[in-house]
Amino acid sequence: DEIVKSTSLLCLGVSLSRNGQFDAARAAAAAALARAEDMGEYFEGMGYASLVQANLAAGDIEAAHDASEAAWRCMSVGQPKLAVAQRCFNATEIAMVRGDLATARAIADAAVEAASGWHRVSALAARARIEIAQGATGDGERDAYEALAGATAIEAYLPVPEILDCLAGLATKAGNLVEAARMFGAADVFRTRMGVVPY
């Protein structure tokens, strides 16, 4: 089944990215893209989204940006709501690395409004990091806790380590070092159990 093959390859690319296997992740994303060429813009966009993750994990920000723009062009044609959520997952990271917090925040705000389920959890987590970077620590803390509650409610644990890192950073700034150590430790345990590496 070509749809299952394409979807499996793009998910494999993301999984390999999260496990730090950059070359294999790029190969899986390229294979997903090759299969998606005859399947329409949605699948092509998802293939590019997988390639974004592989490039982000490898630290190739410009290649990640190019793939992110291609994913946005493809997905926004037939799946605009999903495209907004997917763009948040990819483009906010790129904008933050580039120091463009205003763009990152605008993308995250749009995704929080449009997304539900796992995509909303990821959008809230991204926005929390951006708000903290912008100095809006109260808003960042609120969004981080909302993301953590959402992740727990739907058992979507992949974004949990990053959420805990945000909360640990806030606890450090507040001088609550014991709480910060507990949260950093919990984030590390989650990453170890899932076998994921931070970007």
N, C-alpha and C. Protein backbone atom coordinates (compact mmCIF):
# COMPACT_ATOMS: atom_id res chain seq x y z
N ASP A 1 0.85 -1.17 0.00
CA ASP A 1 0.00 0.00 0.00
C ASP A 1 0.90 1.24 0.00
N GLU A 2 0.80 2.03 -1.04
CA GLU A 2 1.70 3.17 -1.21
C GLU A 2 1.51 4.23 -0.12
N ILE A 3 0.28 4.41 0.33
CA ILE A 3 0.04 5.40 1.38
C ILE A 3 0.73 4.96 2.67
N VAL A 4 0.59 3.70 3.03
CA VAL A 4 1.23 3.19 4.24
C VAL A 4 2.75 3.27 4.11
N LYS A 5 3.29 2.93 2.94
CA LYS A 5 4.74 2.99 2.74
C LYS A 5 5.25 4.42 2.91
N SER A 6 4.57 5.37 2.30
CA SER A 6 4.99 6.77 2.39
C SER A 6 4.92 7.28 3.82
N THR A 7 3.80 7.00 4.47
CA THR A 7 3.61 7.45 5.86
C THR A 7 4.64 6.81 6.78
N SER A 8 4.89 5.53 6.58
CA SER A 8 5.88 4.83 7.41
C SER A 8 7.27 5.41 7.23
N LEU A 9 7.64 5.73 5.99
CA LEU A 9 8.96 6.29 5.73
C LEU A 9 9.13 7.66 6.37
N LEU A 10 8.08 8.51 6.29
CA LEU A 10 8.24 9.84 6.89
C LEU A 10 8.28 9.75 8.41
N CYS A 11 7.50 8.84 8.99
CA CYS A 11 7.56 8.65 10.44
C CYS A 11 8.90 8.06 10.85
N LEU A 12 9.44 7.16 10.03
CA LEU A 12 10.75 6.60 10.31
C LEU A 12 11.81 7.71 10.30
N GLY A 13 11.70 8.63 9.33
CA GLY A 13 12.64 9.74 9.28
C GLY A 13 12.61 10.59 10.53
N VAL A 14 11.42 10.88 11.04
CA VAL A 14 11.30 11.66 12.28
C VAL A 14 11.86 10.88 13.45
N SER A 15 11.53 9.59 13.52
CA SER A 15 12.03 8.76 14.62
C SER A 15 13.55 8.67 14.61
N LEU A 16 14.14 8.47 13.45
CA LEU A 16 15.60 8.41 13.35
C LEU A 16 16.23 9.76 13.73
N SER A 17 15.57 10.85 13.36
CA SER A 17 16.06 12.18 13.74
C SER A 17 16.10 12.32 15.25
N ARG A 18 15.02 11.90 15.89
CA ARG A 18 14.92 12.00 17.34
C ARG A 18 15.92 11.10 18.06
N ASN A 19 16.38 10.06 17.36
CA ASN A 19 17.36 9.15 17.93
C ASN A 19 18.79 9.52 17.55
N GLY A 20 18.97 10.64 16.85
CA GLY A 20 20.30 11.11 16.52
C GLY A 20 20.95 10.43 15.34
N GLN A 21 20.18 9.70 14.53
CA GLN A 21 20.71 9.01 13.35
C GLN A 21 20.43 9.86 12.11
N PHE A 22 21.23 10.93 11.95
CA PHE A 22 20.93 11.97 10.98
C PHE A 22 20.96 11.49 9.53
N ASP A 23 21.99 10.74 9.15
CA ASP A 23 22.09 10.28 7.75
C ASP A 23 20.96 9.34 7.40
N ALA A 24 20.65 8.42 8.30
CA ALA A 24 19.54 7.50 8.06
C ALA A 24 18.21 8.26 8.01
N ALA A 25 18.08 9.29 8.83
CA ALA A 25 16.86 10.10 8.84
C ALA A 25 16.69 10.82 7.50
N ARG A 26 17.77 11.39 7.00
CA ARG A 26 17.70 12.07 5.70
C ARG A 26 17.36 11.09 4.58
N ALA A 27 17.92 9.89 4.64
CA ALA A 27 17.63 8.87 3.62
C ALA A 27 16.16 8.46 3.66
N ALA A 28 15.61 8.28 4.86
CA ALA A 28 14.19 7.90 4.99
C ALA A 28 13.29 9.03 4.49
N ALA A 29 13.64 10.28 4.82
CA ALA A 29 12.84 11.42 4.35
C ALA A 29 12.91 11.53 2.83
N ALA A 30 14.09 11.32 2.26
CA ALA A 30 14.23 11.36 0.79
C ALA A 30 13.40 10.26 0.13
N ALA A 31 13.39 9.08 0.73
CA ALA A 31 12.58 7.98 0.19
C ALA A 31 11.09 8.30 0.30
N ALA A 32 10.69 8.92 1.41
CA ALA A 32 9.28 9.33 1.57
C ALA A 32 8.90 10.35 0.50
N LEU A 33 9.80 11.30 0.26
CA LEU A 33 9.54 12.30 -0.78
C LEU A 33 9.43 11.66 -2.16
N ALA A 34 10.30 10.72 -2.46
CA ALA A 34 10.27 10.05 -3.76
C ALA A 34 8.94 9.32 -3.96
N ARG A 35 8.44 8.65 -2.91
CA ARG A 35 7.16 7.95 -3.02
C ARG A 35 5.99 8.92 -3.11
N ALA A 36 6.14 10.10 -2.52
CA ALA A 36 5.02 11.05 -2.45
C ALA A 36 4.80 11.83 -3.73
N GLU A 37 5.75 11.81 -4.65
CA GLU A 37 5.65 12.63 -5.86
C GLU A 37 4.36 12.39 -6.64
N ASP A 38 3.88 11.15 -6.66
CA ASP A 38 2.66 10.84 -7.40
C ASP A 38 1.42 10.77 -6.51
N MET A 39 1.57 11.13 -5.24
CA MET A 39 0.46 10.98 -4.30
C MET A 39 -0.20 12.30 -3.92
N GLY A 40 0.32 13.42 -4.36
CA GLY A 40 -0.30 14.70 -4.06
C GLY A 40 0.48 15.52 -3.06
N GLU A 41 0.05 16.79 -2.95
CA GLU A 41 0.78 17.76 -2.15
C GLU A 41 0.86 17.42 -0.67
N TYR A 42 -0.19 16.85 -0.12
CA TYR A 42 -0.19 16.55 1.31
C TYR A 42 0.97 15.61 1.66
N PHE A 43 1.08 14.51 0.95
CA PHE A 43 2.15 13.54 1.24
C PHE A 43 3.52 14.11 0.92
N GLU A 44 3.60 14.92 -0.12
CA GLU A 44 4.87 15.57 -0.43
C GLU A 44 5.25 16.52 0.71
N GLY A 45 4.28 17.28 1.20
CA GLY A 45 4.53 18.19 2.31
C GLY A 45 4.98 17.46 3.56
N MET A 46 4.38 16.32 3.85
CA MET A 46 4.79 15.54 5.01
C MET A 46 6.20 14.98 4.83
N GLY A 47 6.55 14.61 3.59
CA GLY A 47 7.92 14.17 3.31
C GLY A 47 8.92 15.27 3.59
N TYR A 48 8.57 16.48 3.16
CA TYR A 48 9.45 17.62 3.44
C TYR A 48 9.52 17.90 4.95
N ALA A 49 8.40 17.73 5.65
CA ALA A 49 8.40 17.93 7.10
C ALA A 49 9.34 16.95 7.79
N SER A 50 9.37 15.72 7.31
CA SER A 50 10.31 14.74 7.84
C SER A 50 11.75 15.16 7.57
N LEU A 51 11.98 15.71 6.39
CA LEU A 51 13.32 16.20 6.03
C LEU A 51 13.72 17.38 6.91
N VAL A 52 12.76 18.23 7.28
CA VAL A 52 13.05 19.34 8.20
C VAL A 52 13.60 18.79 9.50
N GLN A 53 12.94 17.79 10.06
CA GLN A 53 13.39 17.22 11.33
C GLN A 53 14.80 16.64 11.23
N ALA A 54 15.07 15.94 10.12
CA ALA A 54 16.41 15.37 9.93
C ALA A 54 17.46 16.47 9.87
N ASN A 55 17.16 17.55 9.16
CA ASN A 55 18.12 18.65 9.04
C ASN A 55 18.28 19.42 10.35
N LEU A 56 17.17 19.61 11.07
CA LEU A 56 17.27 20.26 12.39
C LEU A 56 18.13 19.44 13.34
N ALA A 57 17.88 18.14 13.36
CA ALA A 57 18.63 17.27 14.24
C ALA A 57 20.12 17.30 13.92
N ALA A 58 20.44 17.41 12.63
CA ALA A 58 21.84 17.45 12.19
C ALA A 58 22.46 18.84 12.33
N GLY A 59 21.63 19.84 12.66
CA GLY A 59 22.14 21.20 12.83
C GLY A 59 22.27 21.98 11.53
N ASP A 60 21.67 21.49 10.45
CA ASP A 60 21.73 22.18 9.15
C ASP A 60 20.49 23.07 9.03
N ILE A 61 20.60 24.28 9.57
CA ILE A 61 19.45 25.18 9.68
C ILE A 61 18.96 25.66 8.32
N GLU A 62 19.86 25.96 7.40
CA GLU A 62 19.43 26.46 6.09
C GLU A 62 18.70 25.38 5.31
N ALA A 63 19.19 24.15 5.34
CA ALA A 63 18.49 23.05 4.66
C ALA A 63 17.14 22.81 5.33
N ALA A 64 17.09 22.92 6.66
CA ALA A 64 15.82 22.77 7.39
C ALA A 64 14.84 23.86 6.97
N HIS A 65 15.34 25.09 6.82
CA HIS A 65 14.47 26.19 6.40
C HIS A 65 13.90 25.95 5.01
N ASP A 66 14.75 25.53 4.08
CA ASP A 66 14.27 25.28 2.71
C ASP A 66 13.22 24.17 2.69
N ALA A 67 13.46 23.10 3.43
CA ALA A 67 12.48 22.01 3.50
C ALA A 67 11.19 22.46 4.17
N SER A 68 11.30 23.32 5.19
CA SER A 68 10.13 23.83 5.89
C SER A 68 9.25 24.67 4.96
N GLU A 69 9.89 25.52 4.17
CA GLU A 69 9.13 26.33 3.22
C GLU A 69 8.44 25.45 2.17
N ALA A 70 9.13 24.40 1.71
CA ALA A 70 8.53 23.48 0.74
C ALA A 70 7.35 22.74 1.37
N ALA A 71 7.51 22.31 2.62
CA ALA A 71 6.41 21.63 3.32
C ALA A 71 5.20 22.55 3.45
N TRP A 72 5.45 23.81 3.80
CA TRP A 72 4.36 24.78 3.94
C TRP A 72 3.63 24.99 2.62
N ARG A 73 4.38 25.15 1.54
CA ARG A 73 3.75 25.35 0.21
C ARG A 73 2.89 24.15 -0.16
N CYS A 74 3.39 22.96 0.04
CA CYS A 74 2.65 21.76 -0.35
C CYS A 74 1.42 21.53 0.53
N MET A 75 1.59 21.60 1.83
CA MET A 75 0.50 21.25 2.73
C MET A 75 -0.59 22.31 2.82
N SER A 76 -0.24 23.57 2.63
CA SER A 76 -1.25 24.61 2.77
C SER A 76 -2.26 24.59 1.63
N VAL A 77 -1.97 23.86 0.56
CA VAL A 77 -2.90 23.76 -0.56
C VAL A 77 -4.15 22.99 -0.16
N GLY A 78 -3.97 21.78 0.38
CA GLY A 78 -5.13 20.94 0.65
C GLY A 78 -5.46 20.75 2.11
N GLN A 79 -4.52 21.04 3.01
CA GLN A 79 -4.73 20.82 4.44
C GLN A 79 -4.27 22.05 5.23
N PRO A 80 -4.94 23.20 5.07
CA PRO A 80 -4.43 24.42 5.70
C PRO A 80 -4.34 24.36 7.22
N LYS A 81 -5.30 23.72 7.88
CA LYS A 81 -5.26 23.65 9.35
C LYS A 81 -4.08 22.80 9.82
N LEU A 82 -3.90 21.66 9.19
CA LEU A 82 -2.77 20.80 9.53
C LEU A 82 -1.45 21.47 9.16
N ALA A 83 -1.45 22.22 8.06
CA ALA A 83 -0.24 22.91 7.63
C ALA A 83 0.22 23.92 8.68
N VAL A 84 -0.73 24.63 9.29
CA VAL A 84 -0.39 25.61 10.34
C VAL A 84 0.26 24.90 11.53
N ALA A 85 -0.30 23.77 11.94
CA ALA A 85 0.26 23.02 13.07
C ALA A 85 1.63 22.46 12.72
N GLN A 86 1.77 21.89 11.52
CA GLN A 86 3.05 21.32 11.11
C GLN A 86 4.11 22.41 10.97
N ARG A 87 3.72 23.57 10.49
CA ARG A 87 4.67 24.67 10.35
C ARG A 87 5.21 25.09 11.72
N CYS A 88 4.33 25.07 12.71
CA CYS A 88 4.77 25.42 14.07
C CYS A 88 5.83 24.45 14.54
N PHE A 89 5.61 23.18 14.29
CA PHE A 89 6.54 22.15 14.74
C PHE A 89 7.92 22.35 14.14
N ASN A 90 7.99 22.87 12.93
CA ASN A 90 9.26 23.03 12.23
C ASN A 90 9.79 24.46 12.23
N ALA A 91 8.96 25.38 11.78
CA ALA A 91 9.43 26.74 11.52
C ALA A 91 9.77 27.53 12.78
N THR A 92 9.11 27.22 13.91
CA THR A 92 9.46 27.96 15.13
C THR A 92 10.88 27.65 15.56
N GLU A 93 11.29 26.39 15.44
CA GLU A 93 12.66 26.02 15.80
C GLU A 93 13.66 26.78 14.94
N ILE A 94 13.38 26.83 13.65
CA ILE A 94 14.28 27.50 12.72
C ILE A 94 14.35 28.99 13.03
N ALA A 95 13.20 29.61 13.22
CA ALA A 95 13.18 31.05 13.52
C ALA A 95 13.90 31.36 14.83
N MET A 96 13.73 30.50 15.83
CA MET A 96 14.40 30.74 17.12
C MET A 96 15.92 30.64 16.97
N VAL A 97 16.39 29.64 16.24
CA VAL A 97 17.83 29.50 16.03
C VAL A 97 18.38 30.73 15.30
N ARG A 98 17.59 31.27 14.39
CA ARG A 98 18.00 32.46 13.64
C ARG A 98 17.84 33.74 14.46
N GLY A 99 17.26 33.65 15.64
CA GLY A 99 17.07 34.82 16.49
C GLY A 99 15.85 35.64 16.12
N ASP A 100 14.97 35.12 15.30
CA ASP A 100 13.77 35.84 14.86
C ASP A 100 12.59 35.43 15.73
N LEU A 101 12.57 35.95 16.96
CA LEU A 101 11.54 35.55 17.92
C LEU A 101 10.15 36.05 17.52
N ALA A 102 10.08 37.19 16.83
CA ALA A 102 8.77 37.72 16.42
C ALA A 102 8.09 36.77 15.43
N THR A 103 8.85 36.28 14.46
CA THR A 103 8.29 35.32 13.49
C THR A 103 7.92 34.02 14.19
N ALA A 104 8.81 33.54 15.05
CA ALA A 104 8.54 32.30 15.79
C ALA A 104 7.24 32.44 16.59
N ARG A 105 7.07 33.58 17.25
CA ARG A 105 5.87 33.80 18.07
C ARG A 105 4.61 33.85 17.22
N ALA A 106 4.66 34.52 16.07
CA ALA A 106 3.49 34.61 15.20
C ALA A 106 3.07 33.22 14.70
N ILE A 107 4.04 32.41 14.34
CA ILE A 107 3.75 31.04 13.87
C ILE A 107 3.15 30.22 15.01
N ALA A 108 3.72 30.32 16.21
CA ALA A 108 3.22 29.56 17.36
C ALA A 108 1.82 30.01 17.75
N ASP A 109 1.56 31.33 17.75
CA ASP A 109 0.23 31.83 18.09
C ASP A 109 -0.82 31.27 17.13
N ALA A 110 -0.52 31.27 15.83
CA ALA A 110 -1.46 30.75 14.84
C ALA A 110 -1.72 29.26 15.06
N ALA A 111 -0.67 28.53 15.40
CA ALA A 111 -0.82 27.09 15.61
C ALA A 111 -1.63 26.78 16.86
N VAL A 112 -1.41 27.52 17.94
CA VAL A 112 -2.18 27.29 19.17
C VAL A 112 -3.67 27.52 18.90
N GLU A 113 -3.98 28.52 18.10
CA GLU A 113 -5.38 28.80 17.77
C GLU A 113 -6.00 27.71 16.90
N ALA A 114 -5.21 27.15 15.96
CA ALA A 114 -5.77 26.24 14.97
C ALA A 114 -5.70 24.77 15.37
N ALA A 115 -4.76 24.40 16.23
CA ALA A 115 -4.45 23.00 16.46
C ALA A 115 -5.28 22.39 17.58
N SER A 116 -5.28 21.06 17.58
CA SER A 116 -5.90 20.30 18.66
C SER A 116 -5.02 19.08 18.93
N GLY A 117 -5.29 18.41 20.05
CA GLY A 117 -4.59 17.19 20.38
C GLY A 117 -3.08 17.38 20.48
N TRP A 118 -2.34 16.41 19.92
CA TRP A 118 -0.88 16.42 19.98
C TRP A 118 -0.30 17.69 19.37
N HIS A 119 -0.89 18.15 18.27
CA HIS A 119 -0.38 19.36 17.61
C HIS A 119 -0.52 20.58 18.52
N ARG A 120 -1.60 20.66 19.27
CA ARG A 120 -1.77 21.79 20.20
C ARG A 120 -0.75 21.71 21.33
N VAL A 121 -0.51 20.51 21.85
CA VAL A 121 0.51 20.35 22.90
C VAL A 121 1.85 20.85 22.39
N SER A 122 2.23 20.44 21.19
CA SER A 122 3.51 20.86 20.62
C SER A 122 3.55 22.36 20.38
N ALA A 123 2.42 22.93 19.93
CA ALA A 123 2.37 24.38 19.69
C ALA A 123 2.50 25.15 21.00
N LEU A 124 1.82 24.68 22.05
CA LEU A 124 1.93 25.34 23.36
C LEU A 124 3.36 25.25 23.90
N ALA A 125 3.99 24.09 23.73
CA ALA A 125 5.36 23.92 24.19
C ALA A 125 6.31 24.86 23.44
N ALA A 126 6.12 24.96 22.13
CA ALA A 126 6.96 25.86 21.33
C ALA A 126 6.73 27.30 21.77
N ARG A 127 5.47 27.68 21.94
CA ARG A 127 5.18 29.06 22.33
C ARG A 127 5.74 29.38 23.71
N ALA A 128 5.71 28.40 24.62
CA ALA A 128 6.28 28.62 25.95
C ALA A 128 7.76 28.97 25.85
N ARG A 129 8.50 28.22 25.05
CA ARG A 129 9.93 28.49 24.88
C ARG A 129 10.16 29.88 24.29
N ILE A 130 9.33 30.25 23.34
CA ILE A 130 9.47 31.57 22.70
C ILE A 130 9.16 32.67 23.70
N GLU A 131 8.07 32.52 24.45
CA GLU A 131 7.68 33.53 25.44
C GLU A 131 8.78 33.71 26.48
N ILE A 132 9.37 32.62 26.93
CA ILE A 132 10.45 32.71 27.90
C ILE A 132 11.64 33.45 27.30
N ALA A 133 11.96 33.13 26.05
CA ALA A 133 13.07 33.82 25.36
C ALA A 133 12.78 35.31 25.19
N GLN A 134 11.50 35.66 25.06
CA GLN A 134 11.10 37.07 24.91
C GLN A 134 11.00 37.79 26.26
N GLY A 135 11.15 37.06 27.35
CA GLY A 135 11.07 37.67 28.68
C GLY A 135 9.69 37.62 29.30
N ALA A 136 8.72 37.00 28.62
CA ALA A 136 7.36 36.87 29.15
C ALA A 136 7.26 35.56 29.92
N THR A 137 7.97 35.50 31.04
CA THR A 137 8.08 34.23 31.76
C THR A 137 6.75 33.74 32.33
N GLY A 138 5.88 34.65 32.75
CA GLY A 138 4.57 34.24 33.27
C GLY A 138 3.75 33.55 32.20
N ASP A 139 3.72 34.12 31.00
CA ASP A 139 3.00 33.50 29.89
C ASP A 139 3.64 32.18 29.50
N GLY A 140 4.98 32.15 29.50
CA GLY A 140 5.69 30.92 29.16
C GLY A 140 5.39 29.80 30.14
N GLU A 141 5.37 30.14 31.43
CA GLU A 141 5.07 29.14 32.45
C GLU A 141 3.64 28.62 32.29
N ARG A 142 2.70 29.53 32.04
CA ARG A 142 1.30 29.12 31.85
C ARG A 142 1.18 28.16 30.67
N ASP A 143 1.80 28.51 29.53
CA ASP A 143 1.70 27.65 28.35
C ASP A 143 2.42 26.32 28.57
N ALA A 144 3.54 26.34 29.29
CA ALA A 144 4.27 25.09 29.56
C ALA A 144 3.42 24.14 30.40
N TYR A 145 2.78 24.67 31.44
CA TYR A 145 1.93 23.82 32.27
C TYR A 145 0.70 23.32 31.50
N GLU A 146 0.15 24.16 30.63
CA GLU A 146 -0.99 23.72 29.81
C GLU A 146 -0.55 22.64 28.84
N ALA A 147 0.63 22.79 28.27
CA ALA A 147 1.17 21.77 27.36
C ALA A 147 1.41 20.46 28.11
N LEU A 148 1.96 20.54 29.32
CA LEU A 148 2.23 19.35 30.12
C LEU A 148 0.92 18.64 30.48
N ALA A 149 -0.08 19.40 30.86
CA ALA A 149 -1.39 18.80 31.18
C ALA A 149 -1.99 18.14 29.95
N GLY A 150 -1.88 18.81 28.80
CA GLY A 150 -2.41 18.24 27.57
C GLY A 150 -1.68 16.97 27.16
N ALA A 151 -0.35 16.98 27.29
CA ALA A 151 0.44 15.79 26.95
C ALA A 151 0.06 14.61 27.84
N THR A 152 -0.14 14.89 29.12
CA THR A 152 -0.52 13.83 30.06
C THR A 152 -1.91 13.30 29.73
N ALA A 153 -2.83 14.20 29.41
CA ALA A 153 -4.21 13.79 29.15
C ALA A 153 -4.33 12.87 27.94
N ILE A 154 -3.52 13.12 26.91
CA ILE A 154 -3.63 12.30 25.70
C ILE A 154 -2.47 11.31 25.56
N GLU A 155 -1.63 11.22 26.59
CA GLU A 155 -0.49 10.31 26.61
C GLU A 155 0.44 10.53 25.41
N ALA A 156 0.73 11.79 25.15
CA ALA A 156 1.64 12.18 24.06
C ALA A 156 2.93 12.65 24.71
N TYR A 157 3.87 11.74 24.90
CA TYR A 157 5.01 12.02 25.75
C TYR A 157 6.23 12.60 25.03
N LEU A 158 6.27 12.59 23.71
CA LEU A 158 7.45 13.08 23.00
C LEU A 158 7.83 14.52 23.37
N PRO A 159 6.87 15.46 23.49
CA PRO A 159 7.27 16.83 23.84
C PRO A 159 7.53 17.06 25.34
N VAL A 160 7.28 16.06 26.19
CA VAL A 160 7.40 16.25 27.63
C VAL A 160 8.81 16.67 28.07
N PRO A 161 9.90 16.07 27.57
CA PRO A 161 11.21 16.52 28.04
C PRO A 161 11.48 18.00 27.78
N GLU A 162 11.07 18.50 26.62
CA GLU A 162 11.28 19.91 26.32
C GLU A 162 10.43 20.81 27.22
N ILE A 163 9.22 20.35 27.54
CA ILE A 163 8.35 21.11 28.44
C ILE A 163 8.99 21.17 29.83
N LEU A 164 9.47 20.02 30.29
CA LEU A 164 10.13 19.99 31.60
C LEU A 164 11.39 20.84 31.62
N ASP A 165 12.13 20.87 30.51
CA ASP A 165 13.30 21.74 30.42
C ASP A 165 12.91 23.21 30.59
N CYS A 166 11.80 23.60 29.95
CA CYS A 166 11.31 24.98 30.09
C CYS A 166 11.01 25.30 31.55
N LEU A 167 10.26 24.41 32.19
CA LEU A 167 9.88 24.63 33.58
C LEU A 167 11.10 24.62 34.50
N ALA A 168 12.07 23.76 34.21
CA ALA A 168 13.30 23.71 34.99
C ALA A 168 14.09 25.01 34.84
N GLY A 169 14.13 25.54 33.63
CA GLY A 169 14.81 26.82 33.41
C GLY A 169 14.15 27.95 34.18
N LEU A 170 12.82 27.94 34.21
CA LEU A 170 12.10 28.96 34.99
C LEU A 170 12.36 28.80 36.49
N ALA A 171 12.40 27.56 36.96
CA ALA A 171 12.69 27.33 38.38
C ALA A 171 14.11 27.80 38.72
N THR A 172 15.04 27.60 37.81
CA THR A 172 16.41 28.07 38.02
C THR A 172 16.44 29.59 38.14
N LYS A 173 15.75 30.27 37.24
CA LYS A 173 15.71 31.74 37.28
C LYS A 173 15.08 32.25 38.57
N ALA A 174 14.11 31.48 39.09
CA ALA A 174 13.44 31.89 40.33
C ALA A 174 14.24 31.51 41.56
N GLY A 175 15.38 30.83 41.38
CA GLY A 175 16.21 30.43 42.51
C GLY A 175 15.78 29.15 43.18
N ASN A 176 14.83 28.44 42.59
CA ASN A 176 14.35 27.18 43.16
C ASN A 176 15.16 26.04 42.53
N LEU A 177 16.38 25.88 42.99
CA LEU A 177 17.32 24.96 42.36
C LEU A 177 16.97 23.50 42.58
N VAL A 178 16.35 23.18 43.71
CA VAL A 178 15.94 21.79 43.96
C VAL A 178 14.86 21.39 42.96
N GLU A 179 13.87 22.25 42.78
CA GLU A 179 12.80 21.98 41.80
C GLU A 179 13.38 21.90 40.39
N ALA A 180 14.31 22.79 40.06
CA ALA A 180 14.94 22.76 38.74
C ALA A 180 15.67 21.44 38.51
N ALA A 181 16.42 20.99 39.51
CA ALA A 181 17.15 19.73 39.38
C ALA A 181 16.19 18.56 39.18
N ARG A 182 15.07 18.56 39.91
CA ARG A 182 14.08 17.49 39.76
C ARG A 182 13.52 17.47 38.34
N MET A 183 13.21 18.65 37.80
CA MET A 183 12.62 18.71 36.46
C MET A 183 13.63 18.36 35.38
N PHE A 184 14.88 18.86 35.52
CA PHE A 184 15.91 18.47 34.55
C PHE A 184 16.14 16.96 34.61
N GLY A 185 16.14 16.39 35.82
CA GLY A 185 16.30 14.95 35.97
C GLY A 185 15.15 14.18 35.33
N ALA A 186 13.93 14.65 35.53
CA ALA A 186 12.76 14.00 34.93
C ALA A 186 12.83 14.07 33.40
N ALA A 187 13.25 15.21 32.86
CA ALA A 187 13.41 15.34 31.41
C ALA A 187 14.42 14.35 30.88
N ASP A 188 15.53 14.20 31.61
CA ASP A 188 16.57 13.26 31.21
C ASP A 188 16.05 11.82 31.23
N VAL A 189 15.26 11.47 32.25
CA VAL A 189 14.69 10.13 32.33
C VAL A 189 13.75 9.87 31.15
N PHE A 190 12.91 10.85 30.82
CA PHE A 190 12.01 10.69 29.68
C PHE A 190 12.81 10.46 28.40
N ARG A 191 13.85 11.26 28.18
CA ARG A 191 14.66 11.10 26.96
C ARG A 191 15.33 9.73 26.92
N THR A 192 15.85 9.29 28.06
CA THR A 192 16.52 7.99 28.11
C THR A 192 15.53 6.87 27.82
N ARG A 193 14.37 6.91 28.44
CA ARG A 193 13.37 5.85 28.22
C ARG A 193 12.88 5.81 26.77
N MET A 194 12.73 6.98 26.15
CA MET A 194 12.26 7.02 24.78
C MET A 194 13.39 6.87 23.76
N GLY A 195 14.63 7.01 24.22
CA GLY A 195 15.76 6.90 23.32
C GLY A 195 15.92 8.10 22.41
N VAL A 196 15.48 9.28 22.86
CA VAL A 196 15.56 10.48 22.04
C VAL A 196 16.70 11.37 22.51
N VAL A 197 17.21 12.16 21.59
CA VAL A 197 18.26 13.12 21.90
C VAL A 197 17.71 14.52 21.68
N PRO A 198 18.15 15.52 22.47
CA PRO A 198 17.68 16.89 22.23
C PRO A 198 18.33 17.45 20.98
N TYR A 199 17.61 18.28 20.27
CA TYR A 199 18.17 18.94 19.09
C TYR A 199 19.12 20.01 19.56
